[in-house]
Amino acid sequence: MLQYKVVELSNVTEEAIEEALNEKVAEGWNFDGMQFAMRESSKRPSMAFLLFTREDEDA
């Protein structure tokens, strides 16, 4: 069975994204994608959502 993990980042910097990606991949998660939440008043994203999957070992 496939498991999903969503990591929400409110500090959207290169360093924060890199740290979250490296942490979850080291835990055995596979990076599946990234989505950004934008504000109308800014060109920078206000939030990022990192999506991961892995096979459930108990299934």
N, C-alpha and C. Protein backbone atom coordinates (compact mmCIF):
# COMPACT_ATOMS: atom_id res chain seq x y z
N MET A 1 0.84 -1.18 0.00
CA MET A 1 0.00 0.00 0.00
C MET A 1 0.89 1.25 0.00
N LEU A 2 0.52 2.22 -0.77
CA LEU A 2 1.29 3.45 -0.89
C LEU A 2 0.92 4.43 0.22
N GLN A 3 1.93 4.99 0.89
CA GLN A 3 1.73 6.02 1.91
C GLN A 3 2.10 7.37 1.30
N TYR A 4 1.45 8.40 1.81
CA TYR A 4 1.72 9.77 1.36
C TYR A 4 2.16 10.62 2.54
N LYS A 5 3.03 11.59 2.29
CA LYS A 5 3.47 12.54 3.30
C LYS A 5 3.49 13.92 2.65
N VAL A 6 2.92 14.90 3.35
CA VAL A 6 2.94 16.28 2.89
C VAL A 6 3.69 17.10 3.94
N VAL A 7 4.68 17.85 3.50
CA VAL A 7 5.44 18.71 4.39
C VAL A 7 5.13 20.15 4.00
N GLU A 8 4.66 20.93 4.97
CA GLU A 8 4.30 22.33 4.74
C GLU A 8 5.45 23.21 5.21
N LEU A 9 5.89 24.10 4.33
CA LEU A 9 6.95 25.05 4.68
C LEU A 9 6.40 26.47 4.61
N SER A 10 6.49 27.19 5.72
CA SER A 10 6.07 28.59 5.70
C SER A 10 7.27 29.50 5.43
N ASN A 11 8.48 28.98 5.63
CA ASN A 11 9.70 29.70 5.29
C ASN A 11 10.19 29.13 3.95
N VAL A 12 9.84 29.78 2.86
CA VAL A 12 10.13 29.25 1.53
C VAL A 12 11.44 29.85 1.02
N THR A 13 12.52 29.20 1.45
CA THR A 13 13.86 29.57 0.97
C THR A 13 14.52 28.33 0.40
N GLU A 14 15.55 28.55 -0.38
CA GLU A 14 16.29 27.43 -0.96
C GLU A 14 16.80 26.50 0.13
N GLU A 15 17.32 27.07 1.21
CA GLU A 15 17.88 26.28 2.29
C GLU A 15 16.81 25.45 3.00
N ALA A 16 15.64 26.04 3.26
CA ALA A 16 14.55 25.33 3.94
C ALA A 16 14.02 24.18 3.08
N ILE A 17 13.89 24.42 1.79
CA ILE A 17 13.41 23.37 0.88
C ILE A 17 14.42 22.24 0.81
N GLU A 18 15.70 22.59 0.66
CA GLU A 18 16.77 21.58 0.61
C GLU A 18 16.80 20.74 1.87
N GLU A 19 16.70 21.38 3.02
CA GLU A 19 16.75 20.68 4.30
C GLU A 19 15.58 19.69 4.42
N ALA A 20 14.38 20.13 4.08
CA ALA A 20 13.20 19.27 4.17
C ALA A 20 13.31 18.10 3.19
N LEU A 21 13.75 18.37 1.97
CA LEU A 21 13.92 17.30 0.98
C LEU A 21 14.93 16.27 1.45
N ASN A 22 16.09 16.71 1.89
CA ASN A 22 17.14 15.79 2.33
C ASN A 22 16.71 14.98 3.56
N GLU A 23 15.99 15.61 4.47
CA GLU A 23 15.53 14.93 5.68
C GLU A 23 14.55 13.80 5.35
N LYS A 24 13.55 14.09 4.52
CA LYS A 24 12.54 13.07 4.22
C LYS A 24 13.08 11.96 3.32
N VAL A 25 13.94 12.29 2.38
CA VAL A 25 14.53 11.26 1.52
C VAL A 25 15.41 10.33 2.37
N ALA A 26 16.12 10.88 3.34
CA ALA A 26 16.94 10.06 4.24
C ALA A 26 16.07 9.13 5.08
N GLU A 27 14.81 9.51 5.33
CA GLU A 27 13.87 8.68 6.09
C GLU A 27 13.21 7.62 5.21
N GLY A 28 13.55 7.60 3.92
CA GLY A 28 13.01 6.58 3.03
C GLY A 28 11.84 7.03 2.17
N TRP A 29 11.50 8.32 2.23
CA TRP A 29 10.42 8.85 1.40
C TRP A 29 10.95 9.19 0.01
N ASN A 30 10.10 9.07 -1.01
CA ASN A 30 10.44 9.43 -2.39
C ASN A 30 9.76 10.76 -2.71
N PHE A 31 10.55 11.71 -3.20
CA PHE A 31 10.01 13.02 -3.56
C PHE A 31 9.06 12.86 -4.75
N ASP A 32 7.85 13.42 -4.62
CA ASP A 32 6.83 13.26 -5.65
C ASP A 32 6.45 14.59 -6.31
N GLY A 33 6.68 15.70 -5.63
CA GLY A 33 6.33 16.98 -6.24
C GLY A 33 6.32 18.11 -5.23
N MET A 34 6.13 19.34 -5.74
CA MET A 34 6.11 20.53 -4.90
C MET A 34 5.06 21.50 -5.44
N GLN A 35 4.31 22.09 -4.53
CA GLN A 35 3.31 23.09 -4.89
C GLN A 35 3.58 24.35 -4.06
N PHE A 36 3.34 25.50 -4.68
CA PHE A 36 3.54 26.77 -3.99
C PHE A 36 2.21 27.49 -3.81
N ALA A 37 2.07 28.18 -2.68
CA ALA A 37 0.93 29.05 -2.43
C ALA A 37 1.44 30.48 -2.54
N MET A 38 0.79 31.25 -3.41
CA MET A 38 1.24 32.61 -3.69
C MET A 38 0.29 33.64 -3.06
N ARG A 39 0.84 34.81 -2.78
CA ARG A 39 0.04 35.96 -2.36
C ARG A 39 -0.06 36.91 -3.54
N GLU A 40 -1.18 37.57 -3.66
CA GLU A 40 -1.36 38.52 -4.76
C GLU A 40 -0.40 39.69 -4.66
N SER A 41 -0.04 40.07 -3.44
CA SER A 41 0.79 41.25 -3.23
C SER A 41 2.30 40.99 -3.35
N SER A 42 2.70 39.75 -3.58
CA SER A 42 4.12 39.41 -3.61
C SER A 42 4.42 38.43 -4.74
N LYS A 43 5.62 38.51 -5.26
CA LYS A 43 6.03 37.57 -6.30
C LYS A 43 6.67 36.32 -5.70
N ARG A 44 6.99 36.35 -4.40
CA ARG A 44 7.56 35.19 -3.72
C ARG A 44 6.44 34.34 -3.14
N PRO A 45 6.61 33.03 -3.15
CA PRO A 45 5.59 32.16 -2.55
C PRO A 45 5.54 32.36 -1.04
N SER A 46 4.34 32.30 -0.48
CA SER A 46 4.20 32.44 0.96
C SER A 46 4.31 31.08 1.66
N MET A 47 4.03 29.99 0.94
CA MET A 47 4.14 28.65 1.49
C MET A 47 4.53 27.68 0.38
N ALA A 48 5.12 26.56 0.80
CA ALA A 48 5.42 25.47 -0.13
C ALA A 48 4.95 24.17 0.50
N PHE A 49 4.47 23.28 -0.33
CA PHE A 49 4.04 21.97 0.11
C PHE A 49 4.86 20.93 -0.66
N LEU A 50 5.63 20.14 0.07
CA LEU A 50 6.45 19.09 -0.54
C LEU A 50 5.70 17.77 -0.41
N LEU A 51 5.59 17.03 -1.49
CA LEU A 51 4.82 15.80 -1.52
C LEU A 51 5.77 14.61 -1.66
N PHE A 52 5.55 13.59 -0.81
CA PHE A 52 6.39 12.40 -0.79
C PHE A 52 5.51 11.15 -0.77
N THR A 53 6.06 10.04 -1.25
CA THR A 53 5.38 8.75 -1.19
C THR A 53 6.39 7.68 -0.79
N ARG A 54 5.88 6.56 -0.28
CA ARG A 54 6.69 5.37 -0.05
C ARG A 54 5.75 4.18 0.14
N GLU A 55 6.29 3.02 -0.08
CA GLU A 55 5.53 1.79 0.12
C GLU A 55 5.42 1.51 1.61
N ASP A 56 4.23 1.17 2.07
CA ASP A 56 4.00 0.83 3.46
C ASP A 56 4.65 -0.51 3.76
N GLU A 57 5.59 -0.54 4.69
CA GLU A 57 6.32 -1.76 5.01
C GLU A 57 5.46 -2.77 5.75
N ASP A 58 4.39 -2.33 6.42
CA ASP A 58 3.51 -3.22 7.19
C ASP A 58 2.46 -3.90 6.34
N ALA A 59 2.26 -3.39 5.12
CA ALA A 59 1.17 -3.93 4.27
C ALA A 59 1.56 -5.24 3.62
